[in-house]
Amino acid sequence: MDRKKWGVGGLVFVGCMFLGGGVGALLGSSHIGWLIGMGVGFLGIALTRLIGK
């Protein structure tokens, strides 16, 4: 079974998600930080796929 190459997009997503969670925890609202981090992460995935083409 061949694994699909995801490139750095997955790392960008997870990195943004954890950074958002950390900043949200510092500001007292970690769940909002996780959601914002996920949104930025999805945009990061889209940008890495656009740049990679």
PDB file of N, CA and C in Angstrom:
ATOM      1  N   MET A   1       0.840  -1.188   0.000  1.00  0.00           N
ATOM      2  CA  MET A   1       0.000   0.000   0.000  1.00  0.00           C
ATOM      3  C   MET A   1       0.887   1.253   0.000  1.00  0.00           C
ATOM      4  N   ASP A   2       0.731   2.081  -0.994  1.00  0.00           N
ATOM      5  CA  ASP A   2       1.542   3.289  -1.105  1.00  0.00           C
ATOM      6  C   ASP A   2       0.957   4.410  -0.256  1.00  0.00           C
ATOM      7  N   ARG A   3       1.844   5.114   0.413  1.00  0.00           N
ATOM      8  CA  ARG A   3       1.420   6.278   1.195  1.00  0.00           C
ATOM      9  C   ARG A   3       1.546   7.523   0.343  1.00  0.00           C
ATOM     10  N   LYS A   4       0.556   8.374   0.434  1.00  0.00           N
ATOM     11  CA  LYS A   4       0.563   9.617  -0.322  1.00  0.00           C
ATOM     12  C   LYS A   4       1.535  10.603   0.335  1.00  0.00           C
ATOM     13  N   LYS A   5       2.317  11.309  -0.477  1.00  0.00           N
ATOM     14  CA  LYS A   5       3.239  12.299   0.055  1.00  0.00           C
ATOM     15  C   LYS A   5       2.479  13.589   0.364  1.00  0.00           C
ATOM     16  N   TRP A   6       2.531  14.017   1.595  1.00  0.00           N
ATOM     17  CA  TRP A   6       1.819  15.234   1.991  1.00  0.00           C
ATOM     18  C   TRP A   6       2.729  16.455   2.004  1.00  0.00           C
ATOM     19  N   GLY A   7       4.027  16.263   2.047  1.00  0.00           N
ATOM     20  CA  GLY A   7       4.937  17.394   2.076  1.00  0.00           C
ATOM     21  C   GLY A   7       4.917  18.092   3.421  1.00  0.00           C
ATOM     22  N   VAL A   8       5.147  19.386   3.404  1.00  0.00           N
ATOM     23  CA  VAL A   8       5.219  20.142   4.653  1.00  0.00           C
ATOM     24  C   VAL A   8       3.861  20.679   5.089  1.00  0.00           C
ATOM     25  N   GLY A   9       2.829  20.495   4.292  1.00  0.00           N
ATOM     26  CA  GLY A   9       1.511  21.035   4.623  1.00  0.00           C
ATOM     27  C   GLY A   9       0.986  20.530   5.958  1.00  0.00           C
ATOM     28  N   GLY A  10       1.181  19.253   6.239  1.00  0.00           N
ATOM     29  CA  GLY A  10       0.730  18.692   7.511  1.00  0.00           C
ATOM     30  C   GLY A  10       1.483  19.276   8.689  1.00  0.00           C
ATOM     31  N   LEU A  11       2.784  19.496   8.503  1.00  0.00           N
ATOM     32  CA  LEU A  11       3.575  20.103   9.576  1.00  0.00           C
ATOM     33  C   LEU A  11       3.161  21.546   9.823  1.00  0.00           C
ATOM     34  N   VAL A  12       2.849  22.252   8.750  1.00  0.00           N
ATOM     35  CA  VAL A  12       2.381  23.638   8.889  1.00  0.00           C
ATOM     36  C   VAL A  12       1.072  23.663   9.669  1.00  0.00           C
ATOM     37  N   PHE A  13       0.169  22.739   9.347  1.00  0.00           N
ATOM     38  CA  PHE A  13      -1.123  22.687  10.023  1.00  0.00           C
ATOM     39  C   PHE A  13      -0.946  22.417  11.514  1.00  0.00           C
ATOM     40  N   VAL A  14      -0.191  21.386  11.843  1.00  0.00           N
ATOM     41  CA  VAL A  14      -0.016  21.020  13.256  1.00  0.00           C
ATOM     42  C   VAL A  14       0.726  22.120  14.011  1.00  0.00           C
ATOM     43  N   GLY A  15       1.731  22.716  13.372  1.00  0.00           N
ATOM     44  CA  GLY A  15       2.460  23.801  14.022  1.00  0.00           C
ATOM     45  C   GLY A  15       1.578  24.998  14.322  1.00  0.00           C
ATOM     46  N   CYS A  16       0.759  25.397  13.367  1.00  0.00           N
ATOM     47  CA  CYS A  16      -0.156  26.520  13.581  1.00  0.00           C
ATOM     48  C   CYS A  16      -1.188  26.196  14.658  1.00  0.00           C
ATOM     49  N   MET A  17      -1.663  24.954  14.653  1.00  0.00           N
ATOM     50  CA  MET A  17      -2.666  24.564  15.634  1.00  0.00           C
ATOM     51  C   MET A  17      -2.095  24.634  17.054  1.00  0.00           C
ATOM     52  N   PHE A  18      -0.887  24.116  17.252  1.00  0.00           N
ATOM     53  CA  PHE A  18      -0.294  24.144  18.581  1.00  0.00           C
ATOM     54  C   PHE A  18       0.116  25.553  19.000  1.00  0.00           C
ATOM     55  N   LEU A  19       0.602  26.354  18.058  1.00  0.00           N
ATOM     56  CA  LEU A  19       0.903  27.747  18.398  1.00  0.00           C
ATOM     57  C   LEU A  19      -0.357  28.503  18.805  1.00  0.00           C
ATOM     58  N   GLY A  20      -1.448  28.289  18.067  1.00  0.00           N
ATOM     59  CA  GLY A  20      -2.712  28.927  18.432  1.00  0.00           C
ATOM     60  C   GLY A  20      -3.199  28.477  19.791  1.00  0.00           C
ATOM     61  N   GLY A  21      -3.068  27.182  20.081  1.00  0.00           N
ATOM     62  CA  GLY A  21      -3.475  26.671  21.398  1.00  0.00           C
ATOM     63  C   GLY A  21      -2.640  27.253  22.513  1.00  0.00           C
ATOM     64  N   GLY A  22      -1.340  27.397  22.278  1.00  0.00           N
ATOM     65  CA  GLY A  22      -0.460  27.974  23.296  1.00  0.00           C
ATOM     66  C   GLY A  22      -0.756  29.439  23.557  1.00  0.00           C
ATOM     67  N   VAL A  23      -0.941  30.203  22.491  1.00  0.00           N
ATOM     68  CA  VAL A  23      -1.263  31.629  22.656  1.00  0.00           C
ATOM     69  C   VAL A  23      -2.629  31.782  23.323  1.00  0.00           C
ATOM     70  N   GLY A  24      -3.581  30.952  22.924  1.00  0.00           N
ATOM     71  CA  GLY A  24      -4.896  30.995  23.556  1.00  0.00           C
ATOM     72  C   GLY A  24      -4.835  30.649  25.029  1.00  0.00           C
ATOM     73  N   ALA A  25      -3.996  29.682  25.402  1.00  0.00           N
ATOM     74  CA  ALA A  25      -3.855  29.318  26.814  1.00  0.00           C
ATOM     75  C   ALA A  25      -3.236  30.463  27.610  1.00  0.00           C
ATOM     76  N   LEU A  26      -2.273  31.167  27.003  1.00  0.00           N
ATOM     77  CA  LEU A  26      -1.670  32.309  27.687  1.00  0.00           C
ATOM     78  C   LEU A  26      -2.679  33.431  27.910  1.00  0.00           C
ATOM     79  N   LEU A  27      -3.603  33.567  26.956  1.00  0.00           N
ATOM     80  CA  LEU A  27      -4.600  34.632  27.067  1.00  0.00           C
ATOM     81  C   LEU A  27      -5.852  34.205  27.818  1.00  0.00           C
ATOM     82  N   GLY A  28      -5.911  32.934  28.246  1.00  0.00           N
ATOM     83  CA  GLY A  28      -7.022  32.477  29.073  1.00  0.00           C
ATOM     84  C   GLY A  28      -8.176  31.844  28.320  1.00  0.00           C
ATOM     85  N   SER A  29      -8.021  31.584  27.029  1.00  0.00           N
ATOM     86  CA  SER A  29      -9.103  30.987  26.254  1.00  0.00           C
ATOM     87  C   SER A  29      -8.495  30.016  25.234  1.00  0.00           C
ATOM     88  N   SER A  30      -8.078  28.842  25.722  1.00  0.00           N
ATOM     89  CA  SER A  30      -7.332  27.925  24.863  1.00  0.00           C
ATOM     90  C   SER A  30      -8.177  27.356  23.726  1.00  0.00           C
ATOM     91  N   HIS A  31      -9.478  27.120  23.972  1.00  0.00           N
ATOM     92  CA  HIS A  31     -10.300  26.541  22.901  1.00  0.00           C
ATOM     93  C   HIS A  31     -10.437  27.491  21.719  1.00  0.00           C
ATOM     94  N   ILE A  32     -10.503  28.776  21.967  1.00  0.00           N
ATOM     95  CA  ILE A  32     -10.544  29.747  20.875  1.00  0.00           C
ATOM     96  C   ILE A  32      -9.203  29.763  20.139  1.00  0.00           C
ATOM     97  N   GLY A  33      -8.121  29.645  20.890  1.00  0.00           N
ATOM     98  CA  GLY A  33      -6.798  29.601  20.274  1.00  0.00           C
ATOM     99  C   GLY A  33      -6.620  28.396  19.372  1.00  0.00           C
ATOM    100  N   TRP A  34      -7.135  27.221  19.808  1.00  0.00           N
ATOM    101  CA  TRP A  34      -7.043  26.024  18.973  1.00  0.00           C
ATOM    102  C   TRP A  34      -7.812  26.222  17.671  1.00  0.00           C
ATOM    103  N   LEU A  35      -9.002  26.818  17.761  1.00  0.00           N
ATOM    104  CA  LEU A  35      -9.807  27.023  16.552  1.00  0.00           C
ATOM    105  C   LEU A  35      -9.141  28.001  15.587  1.00  0.00           C
ATOM    106  N   ILE A  36      -8.588  29.075  16.123  1.00  0.00           N
ATOM    107  CA  ILE A  36      -7.889  30.036  15.265  1.00  0.00           C
ATOM    108  C   ILE A  36      -6.646  29.392  14.662  1.00  0.00           C
ATOM    109  N   GLY A  37      -5.931  28.608  15.456  1.00  0.00           N
ATOM    110  CA  GLY A  37      -4.759  27.907  14.947  1.00  0.00           C
ATOM    111  C   GLY A  37      -5.102  26.931  13.841  1.00  0.00           C
ATOM    112  N   MET A  38      -6.242  26.249  13.978  1.00  0.00           N
ATOM    113  CA  MET A  38      -6.669  25.326  12.925  1.00  0.00           C
ATOM    114  C   MET A  38      -7.006  26.076  11.643  1.00  0.00           C
ATOM    115  N   GLY A  39      -7.689  27.204  11.770  1.00  0.00           N
ATOM    116  CA  GLY A  39      -8.026  28.009  10.597  1.00  0.00           C
ATOM    117  C   GLY A  39      -6.784  28.502   9.873  1.00  0.00           C
ATOM    118  N   VAL A  40      -5.814  28.996  10.630  1.00  0.00           N
ATOM    119  CA  VAL A  40      -4.560  29.462  10.026  1.00  0.00           C
ATOM    120  C   VAL A  40      -3.807  28.274   9.428  1.00  0.00           C
ATOM    121  N   GLY A  41      -3.895  27.123  10.088  1.00  0.00           N
ATOM    122  CA  GLY A  41      -3.233  25.926   9.574  1.00  0.00           C
ATOM    123  C   GLY A  41      -3.800  25.480   8.235  1.00  0.00           C
ATOM    124  N   PHE A  42      -5.121  25.524   8.113  1.00  0.00           N
ATOM    125  CA  PHE A  42      -5.730  25.157   6.827  1.00  0.00           C
ATOM    126  C   PHE A  42      -5.312  26.130   5.732  1.00  0.00           C
ATOM    127  N   LEU A  43      -5.223  27.406   6.058  1.00  0.00           N
ATOM    128  CA  LEU A  43      -4.729  28.370   5.079  1.00  0.00           C
ATOM    129  C   LEU A  43      -3.269  28.096   4.729  1.00  0.00           C
ATOM    130  N   GLY A  44      -2.491  27.682   5.724  1.00  0.00           N
ATOM    131  CA  GLY A  44      -1.095  27.333   5.480  1.00  0.00           C
ATOM    132  C   GLY A  44      -0.956  26.132   4.561  1.00  0.00           C
ATOM    133  N   ILE A  45      -1.827  25.122   4.745  1.00  0.00           N
ATOM    134  CA  ILE A  45      -1.810  23.965   3.846  1.00  0.00           C
ATOM    135  C   ILE A  45      -2.107  24.404   2.418  1.00  0.00           C
ATOM    136  N   ALA A  46      -3.119  25.258   2.264  1.00  0.00           N
ATOM    137  CA  ALA A  46      -3.483  25.728   0.929  1.00  0.00           C
ATOM    138  C   ALA A  46      -2.321  26.487   0.286  1.00  0.00           C
ATOM    139  N   LEU A  47      -1.637  27.316   1.066  1.00  0.00           N
ATOM    140  CA  LEU A  47      -0.511  28.079   0.512  1.00  0.00           C
ATOM    141  C   LEU A  47       0.651  27.176   0.125  1.00  0.00           C
ATOM    142  N   THR A  48       0.939  26.160   0.949  1.00  0.00           N
ATOM    143  CA  THR A  48       2.044  25.272   0.600  1.00  0.00           C
ATOM    144  C   THR A  48       1.715  24.448  -0.646  1.00  0.00           C
ATOM    145  N   ARG A  49       0.457  24.097  -0.830  1.00  0.00           N
ATOM    146  CA  ARG A  49       0.090  23.362  -2.041  1.00  0.00           C
ATOM    147  C   ARG A  49       0.145  24.264  -3.271  1.00  0.00           C
ATOM    148  N   LEU A  50      -0.236  25.538  -3.098  1.00  0.00           N
ATOM    149  CA  LEU A  50      -0.158  26.479  -4.210  1.00  0.00           C
ATOM    150  C   LEU A  50       1.293  26.749  -4.612  1.00  0.00           C
ATOM    151  N   ILE A  51       2.144  26.930  -3.629  1.00  0.00           N
ATOM    152  CA  ILE A  51       3.546  27.219  -3.900  1.00  0.00           C
ATOM    153  C   ILE A  51       4.236  25.995  -4.496  1.00  0.00           C
ATOM    154  N   GLY A  52       3.802  24.797  -4.064  1.00  0.00           N
ATOM    155  CA  GLY A  52       4.423  23.575  -4.535  1.00  0.00           C
ATOM    156  C   GLY A  52       4.117  23.226  -5.974  1.00  0.00           C
ATOM    157  N   LYS A  53       3.121  23.841  -6.564  1.00  0.00           N
ATOM    158  CA  LYS A  53       2.743  23.504  -7.955  1.00  0.00           C
ATOM    159  C   LYS A  53       3.594  24.197  -8.958  1.00  0.00           C
TER     160      LYS A  53
END
